């Protein structure tokens, strides 16, 4: 059965995945990149990196928030935001771990700029996430991905041991039509204007 999606809206299948056991320790993959923790990120700097990494995949949820609401999340002591930085000091990736639910670590945002796809840097970043996220009081790490993300995202998480546990359909106004992202963002996702 097909469910129509109104012009001006998007639909995505969201898959949630989890790890219930700490992975066996492995050496960190070699990488020229480094992870730089942002202790008190400014809203504008965060949005810039969020857009750089997420616009090709239509990440928009944090763009809906005003500065106060965004900073309440990213400056929460139970949320850890880190930028992936290259040799030249350019921020090219984002890792955000959310520990606000006791005993859990949610990988809230995980990504690198599209130019780095397929070069092994994602494995390095996941090793960093797993090393940082599994702590004495953490019994579960989880993440979600959707059909708007990189086509390899679901398989990537599964290769790293995450097991799917839930699926949902999400519909929302196209962020390109709301002016949150440029109209040319995510050209692989058709933009259908609502009728005038």
C-alpha atoms as a PDB file:
ATOM      1  CA  UNK A   1       0.000   0.000   0.000  1.00  0.00           C
ATOM      2  CA  UNK A   2       1.332   3.414  -0.927  1.00  0.00           C
ATOM      3  CA  UNK A   3       0.675   6.383   1.336  1.00  0.00           C
ATOM      4  CA  UNK A   4       0.771   9.689  -0.519  1.00  0.00           C
ATOM      5  CA  UNK A   5       3.183  12.356   0.677  1.00  0.00           C
ATOM      6  CA  UNK A   6       1.925  15.876   0.071  1.00  0.00           C
ATOM      7  CA  UNK A   7       3.902  18.191  -2.219  1.00  0.00           C
ATOM      8  CA  UNK A   8       6.285  20.208  -0.051  1.00  0.00           C
ATOM      9  CA  UNK A   9       6.735  17.350   2.404  1.00  0.00           C
ATOM     10  CA  UNK A  10       9.200  14.499   2.700  1.00  0.00           C
ATOM     11  CA  UNK A  11       8.920  11.025   4.158  1.00  0.00           C
ATOM     12  CA  UNK A  12      11.707   8.831   5.459  1.00  0.00           C
ATOM     13  CA  UNK A  13      11.917   5.388   6.985  1.00  0.00           C
ATOM     14  CA  UNK A  14      13.842   5.723  10.241  1.00  0.00           C
ATOM     15  CA  UNK A  15      15.671   2.668  11.577  1.00  0.00           C
ATOM     16  CA  UNK A  16      16.888   2.642  15.184  1.00  0.00           C
ATOM     17  CA  UNK A  17      19.797   0.373  16.059  1.00  0.00           C
ATOM     18  CA  UNK A  18      21.457  -0.561  19.332  1.00  0.00           C
ATOM     19  CA  UNK A  19      24.424  -2.242  20.957  1.00  0.00           C
ATOM     20  CA  UNK A  20      23.701  -3.983  24.264  1.00  0.00           C
ATOM     21  CA  UNK A  21      27.258  -5.183  24.909  1.00  0.00           C
ATOM     22  CA  UNK A  22      30.543  -3.342  24.856  1.00  0.00           C
ATOM     23  CA  UNK A  23      32.468  -4.333  21.708  1.00  0.00           C
ATOM     24  CA  UNK A  24      35.735  -6.173  22.193  1.00  0.00           C
ATOM     25  CA  UNK A  25      38.649  -3.739  22.344  1.00  0.00           C
ATOM     26  CA  UNK A  26      40.425  -3.194  19.045  1.00  0.00           C
ATOM     27  CA  UNK A  27      43.226  -0.837  18.054  1.00  0.00           C
ATOM     28  CA  UNK A  28      41.978   2.481  16.719  1.00  0.00           C
ATOM     29  CA  UNK A  29      42.267   2.649  12.932  1.00  0.00           C
ATOM     30  CA  UNK A  30      45.017   4.987  11.750  1.00  0.00           C
ATOM     31  CA  UNK A  31      43.808   8.364  10.567  1.00  0.00           C
ATOM     32  CA  UNK A  32      45.221  11.807   9.837  1.00  0.00           C
ATOM     33  CA  UNK A  33      42.100  13.237  11.499  1.00  0.00           C
ATOM     34  CA  UNK A  34      41.625  14.125  15.146  1.00  0.00           C
ATOM     35  CA  UNK A  35      38.653  14.647  17.410  1.00  0.00           C
ATOM     36  CA  UNK A  36      38.374  18.051  19.131  1.00  0.00           C
ATOM     37  CA  UNK A  37      35.874  18.265  21.992  1.00  0.00           C
ATOM     38  CA  UNK A  38      33.769  21.421  22.086  1.00  0.00           C
ATOM     39  CA  UNK A  39      33.178  22.134  25.788  1.00  0.00           C
ATOM     40  CA  UNK A  40      30.755  25.034  25.296  1.00  0.00           C
ATOM     41  CA  UNK A  41      29.914  25.248  21.611  1.00  0.00           C
ATOM     42  CA  UNK A  42      28.409  28.449  20.291  1.00  0.00           C
ATOM     43  CA  UNK A  43      25.159  28.019  18.400  1.00  0.00           C
ATOM     44  CA  UNK A  44      26.485  29.588  15.177  1.00  0.00           C
ATOM     45  CA  UNK A  45      29.660  27.487  15.086  1.00  0.00           C
ATOM     46  CA  UNK A  46      27.629  24.346  15.749  1.00  0.00           C
ATOM     47  CA  UNK A  47      25.131  25.173  12.993  1.00  0.00           C
ATOM     48  CA  UNK A  48      27.954  25.818  10.524  1.00  0.00           C
ATOM     49  CA  UNK A  49      29.472  22.381  11.128  1.00  0.00           C
ATOM     50  CA  UNK A  50      26.037  20.721  11.302  1.00  0.00           C
ATOM     51  CA  UNK A  51      25.241  22.169   7.849  1.00  0.00           C
ATOM     52  CA  UNK A  52      28.640  21.296   6.390  1.00  0.00           C
ATOM     53  CA  UNK A  53      28.186  17.655   7.380  1.00  0.00           C
ATOM     54  CA  UNK A  54      24.426  17.219   7.222  1.00  0.00           C
ATOM     55  CA  UNK A  55      23.000  19.393   4.435  1.00  0.00           C
ATOM     56  CA  UNK A  56      23.643  16.724   1.760  1.00  0.00           C
ATOM     57  CA  UNK A  57      21.457  14.356   3.831  1.00  0.00           C
ATOM     58  CA  UNK A  58      18.857  16.998   4.758  1.00  0.00           C
ATOM     59  CA  UNK A  59      19.761  17.188   8.436  1.00  0.00           C
ATOM     60  CA  UNK A  60      17.589  20.007   9.685  1.00  0.00           C
ATOM     61  CA  UNK A  61      16.287  19.285  13.204  1.00  0.00           C
ATOM     62  CA  UNK A  62      18.812  21.535  14.944  1.00  0.00           C
ATOM     63  CA  UNK A  63      18.221  24.315  12.406  1.00  0.00           C
ATOM     64  CA  UNK A  64      14.655  24.687  13.692  1.00  0.00           C
ATOM     65  CA  UNK A  65      15.902  25.689  17.155  1.00  0.00           C
ATOM     66  CA  UNK A  66      16.692  29.220  18.278  1.00  0.00           C
ATOM     67  CA  UNK A  67      20.062  29.863  19.934  1.00  0.00           C
ATOM     68  CA  UNK A  68      18.805  29.359  23.492  1.00  0.00           C
ATOM     69  CA  UNK A  69      17.084  26.039  22.731  1.00  0.00           C
ATOM     70  CA  UNK A  70      20.064  24.750  20.741  1.00  0.00           C
ATOM     71  CA  UNK A  71      22.607  25.755  23.390  1.00  0.00           C
ATOM     72  CA  UNK A  72      20.475  24.148  26.100  1.00  0.00           C
ATOM     73  CA  UNK A  73      21.100  20.831  24.325  1.00  0.00           C
ATOM     74  CA  UNK A  74      24.667  21.144  23.084  1.00  0.00           C
ATOM     75  CA  UNK A  75      25.953  22.731  26.316  1.00  0.00           C
ATOM     76  CA  UNK A  76      24.193  20.235  28.569  1.00  0.00           C
ATOM     77  CA  UNK A  77      26.884  18.502  30.662  1.00  0.00           C
ATOM     78  CA  UNK A  78      25.433  15.130  29.583  1.00  0.00           C
ATOM     79  CA  UNK A  79      25.917  15.933  25.869  1.00  0.00           C
ATOM     80  CA  UNK A  80      29.380  15.756  24.313  1.00  0.00           C
ATOM     81  CA  UNK A  81      29.954  17.537  21.012  1.00  0.00           C
ATOM     82  CA  UNK A  82      33.201  16.992  19.112  1.00  0.00           C
ATOM     83  CA  UNK A  83      34.401  18.225  15.757  1.00  0.00           C
ATOM     84  CA  UNK A  84      36.476  16.055  13.466  1.00  0.00           C
ATOM     85  CA  UNK A  85      39.439  18.165  12.402  1.00  0.00           C
ATOM     86  CA  UNK A  86      41.844  17.588   9.526  1.00  0.00           C
ATOM     87  CA  UNK A  87      45.615  18.300   9.454  1.00  0.00           C
ATOM     88  CA  UNK A  88      44.946  21.932   8.523  1.00  0.00           C
ATOM     89  CA  UNK A  89      42.594  22.480  11.456  1.00  0.00           C
ATOM     90  CA  UNK A  90      39.479  22.499   9.268  1.00  0.00           C
ATOM     91  CA  UNK A  91      36.364  21.036  10.887  1.00  0.00           C
ATOM     92  CA  UNK A  92      35.102  18.291   8.594  1.00  0.00           C
ATOM     93  CA  UNK A  93      32.980  16.051  10.786  1.00  0.00           C
ATOM     94  CA  UNK A  94      30.676  15.934  13.775  1.00  0.00           C
ATOM     95  CA  UNK A  95      30.266  13.468  16.622  1.00  0.00           C
ATOM     96  CA  UNK A  96      27.617  14.151  19.240  1.00  0.00           C
ATOM     97  CA  UNK A  97      27.074  11.725  22.105  1.00  0.00           C
ATOM     98  CA  UNK A  98      24.018  12.123  24.328  1.00  0.00           C
ATOM     99  CA  UNK A  99      24.124  10.626  27.840  1.00  0.00           C
ATOM    100  CA  UNK A 100      20.971  12.371  29.150  1.00  0.00           C
ATOM    101  CA  UNK A 101      19.135   9.057  29.626  1.00  0.00           C
ATOM    102  CA  UNK A 102      20.719   7.091  32.460  1.00  0.00           C
ATOM    103  CA  UNK A 103      22.622   3.976  31.382  1.00  0.00           C
ATOM    104  CA  UNK A 104      22.477   4.935  27.704  1.00  0.00           C
ATOM    105  CA  UNK A 105      24.583   6.687  25.109  1.00  0.00           C
ATOM    106  CA  UNK A 106      22.816   7.884  21.988  1.00  0.00           C
ATOM    107  CA  UNK A 107      24.968   8.701  19.005  1.00  0.00           C
ATOM    108  CA  UNK A 108      22.847  11.752  18.242  1.00  0.00           C
ATOM    109  CA  UNK A 109      24.863  12.980  15.239  1.00  0.00           C
ATOM    110  CA  UNK A 110      27.653  11.191  13.420  1.00  0.00           C
ATOM    111  CA  UNK A 111      29.053  12.254  10.102  1.00  0.00           C
ATOM    112  CA  UNK A 112      31.824  13.510   7.895  1.00  0.00           C
ATOM    113  CA  UNK A 113      31.736  15.832   4.917  1.00  0.00           C
ATOM    114  CA  UNK A 114      30.716  13.908   1.769  1.00  0.00           C
ATOM    115  CA  UNK A 115      34.184  14.246   0.215  1.00  0.00           C
ATOM    116  CA  UNK A 116      35.515  11.789   2.821  1.00  0.00           C
ATOM    117  CA  UNK A 117      32.981   9.037   2.095  1.00  0.00           C
ATOM    118  CA  UNK A 118      34.427   5.654   1.233  1.00  0.00           C
ATOM    119  CA  UNK A 119      37.959   6.432   2.478  1.00  0.00           C
ATOM    120  CA  UNK A 120      37.820   4.561   5.793  1.00  0.00           C
ATOM    121  CA  UNK A 121      37.505   7.655   7.978  1.00  0.00           C
ATOM    122  CA  UNK A 122      34.042   6.591   9.123  1.00  0.00           C
ATOM    123  CA  UNK A 123      35.566   3.474  10.706  1.00  0.00           C
ATOM    124  CA  UNK A 124      37.996   5.688  12.615  1.00  0.00           C
ATOM    125  CA  UNK A 125      35.174   7.957  13.760  1.00  0.00           C
ATOM    126  CA  UNK A 126      33.048   5.001  14.864  1.00  0.00           C
ATOM    127  CA  UNK A 127      35.996   3.626  16.844  1.00  0.00           C
ATOM    128  CA  UNK A 128      36.207   7.019  18.546  1.00  0.00           C
ATOM    129  CA  UNK A 129      32.459   7.000  19.250  1.00  0.00           C
ATOM    130  CA  UNK A 130      32.555   3.506  20.732  1.00  0.00           C
ATOM    131  CA  UNK A 131      35.615   4.281  22.854  1.00  0.00           C
ATOM    132  CA  UNK A 132      34.037   7.514  24.160  1.00  0.00           C
ATOM    133  CA  UNK A 133      30.493   6.233  24.525  1.00  0.00           C
ATOM    134  CA  UNK A 134      31.006   2.994  26.426  1.00  0.00           C
ATOM    135  CA  UNK A 135      31.515   3.926  30.044  1.00  0.00           C
ATOM    136  CA  UNK A 136      31.137   2.080  33.314  1.00  0.00           C
ATOM    137  CA  UNK A 137      27.480   3.071  33.701  1.00  0.00           C
ATOM    138  CA  UNK A 138      26.489   2.631  30.020  1.00  0.00           C
ATOM    139  CA  UNK A 139      24.585  -0.556  29.201  1.00  0.00           C
ATOM    140  CA  UNK A 140      23.291   0.492  25.790  1.00  0.00           C
ATOM    141  CA  UNK A 141      24.485   2.569  22.857  1.00  0.00           C
ATOM    142  CA  UNK A 142      22.051   3.415  20.132  1.00  0.00           C
ATOM    143  CA  UNK A 143      21.745   5.379  16.934  1.00  0.00           C
ATOM    144  CA  UNK A 144      19.161   6.002  14.265  1.00  0.00           C
ATOM    145  CA  UNK A 145      19.473   6.470  10.546  1.00  0.00           C
ATOM    146  CA  UNK A 146      16.953   7.055   7.793  1.00  0.00           C
ATOM    147  CA  UNK A 147      16.471   6.590   4.083  1.00  0.00           C
ATOM    148  CA  UNK A 148      17.612  10.190   3.478  1.00  0.00           C
ATOM    149  CA  UNK A 149      21.064   9.452   4.959  1.00  0.00           C
ATOM    150  CA  UNK A 150      24.028   8.162   2.985  1.00  0.00           C
ATOM    151  CA  UNK A 151      22.918   4.935   1.250  1.00  0.00           C
ATOM    152  CA  UNK A 152      25.599   2.984   3.113  1.00  0.00           C
ATOM    153  CA  UNK A 153      24.701   4.273   6.602  1.00  0.00           C
ATOM    154  CA  UNK A 154      22.496   1.373   7.692  1.00  0.00           C
ATOM    155  CA  UNK A 155      25.004  -1.245   6.551  1.00  0.00           C
ATOM    156  CA  UNK A 156      27.829   0.706   8.188  1.00  0.00           C
ATOM    157  CA  UNK A 157      26.142   0.663  11.595  1.00  0.00           C
ATOM    158  CA  UNK A 158      25.337  -3.026  11.258  1.00  0.00           C
ATOM    159  CA  UNK A 159      28.954  -3.843  10.362  1.00  0.00           C
ATOM    160  CA  UNK A 160      29.945  -2.159  13.613  1.00  0.00           C
ATOM    161  CA  UNK A 161      27.656  -4.463  15.586  1.00  0.00           C
ATOM    162  CA  UNK A 162      24.530  -2.336  15.919  1.00  0.00           C
ATOM    163  CA  UNK A 163      21.316  -4.341  15.698  1.00  0.00           C
ATOM    164  CA  UNK A 164      18.054  -2.843  14.370  1.00  0.00           C
ATOM    165  CA  UNK A 165      15.296  -2.743  16.993  1.00  0.00           C
ATOM    166  CA  UNK A 166      12.669  -0.338  15.635  1.00  0.00           C
ATOM    167  CA  UNK A 167      11.470   1.234  12.417  1.00  0.00           C
ATOM    168  CA  UNK A 168       9.146   4.180  11.842  1.00  0.00           C
ATOM    169  CA  UNK A 169       7.993   6.443   9.032  1.00  0.00           C
ATOM    170  CA  UNK A 170       8.603  10.143   9.578  1.00  0.00           C
ATOM    171  CA  UNK A 171       6.973  12.863   7.484  1.00  0.00           C
ATOM    172  CA  UNK A 172       7.939  16.513   7.676  1.00  0.00           C
ATOM    173  CA  UNK A 173       7.989  19.746   5.711  1.00  0.00           C
ATOM    174  CA  UNK A 174      10.872  19.818   3.250  1.00  0.00           C
ATOM    175  CA  UNK A 175      13.571  21.942   4.963  1.00  0.00           C
ATOM    176  CA  UNK A 176      14.646  23.317   1.584  1.00  0.00           C
ATOM    177  CA  UNK A 177      11.200  24.854   1.118  1.00  0.00           C
ATOM    178  CA  UNK A 178      11.285  26.244   4.663  1.00  0.00           C
ATOM    179  CA  UNK A 179      14.513  28.084   3.823  1.00  0.00           C
ATOM    180  CA  UNK A 180      16.519  26.079   6.371  1.00  0.00           C
ATOM    181  CA  UNK A 181      18.681  24.528   3.636  1.00  0.00           C
ATOM    182  CA  UNK A 182      19.396  25.671   0.085  1.00  0.00           C
ATOM    183  CA  UNK A 183      17.076  24.351  -2.621  1.00  0.00           C
ATOM    184  CA  UNK A 184      20.035  22.582  -4.247  1.00  0.00           C
ATOM    185  CA  UNK A 185      20.872  20.579  -1.103  1.00  0.00           C
ATOM    186  CA  UNK A 186      20.476  16.804  -1.421  1.00  0.00           C
ATOM    187  CA  UNK A 187      19.872  16.684  -5.197  1.00  0.00           C
ATOM    188  CA  UNK A 188      19.248  12.926  -4.874  1.00  0.00           C
ATOM    189  CA  UNK A 189      15.970  13.747  -3.053  1.00  0.00           C
ATOM    190  CA  UNK A 190      13.425  15.238  -5.475  1.00  0.00           C
ATOM    191  CA  UNK A 191      12.106  18.652  -4.461  1.00  0.00           C
ATOM    192  CA  UNK A 192       8.381  18.856  -5.138  1.00  0.00           C
ATOM    193  CA  UNK A 193       6.946  22.345  -4.664  1.00  0.00           C
ATOM    194  CA  UNK A 194       3.416  22.569  -3.305  1.00  0.00           C
ATOM    195  CA  UNK A 195       0.875  24.053  -5.725  1.00  0.00           C
ATOM    196  CA  UNK A 196       0.431  27.824  -5.536  1.00  0.00           C
END
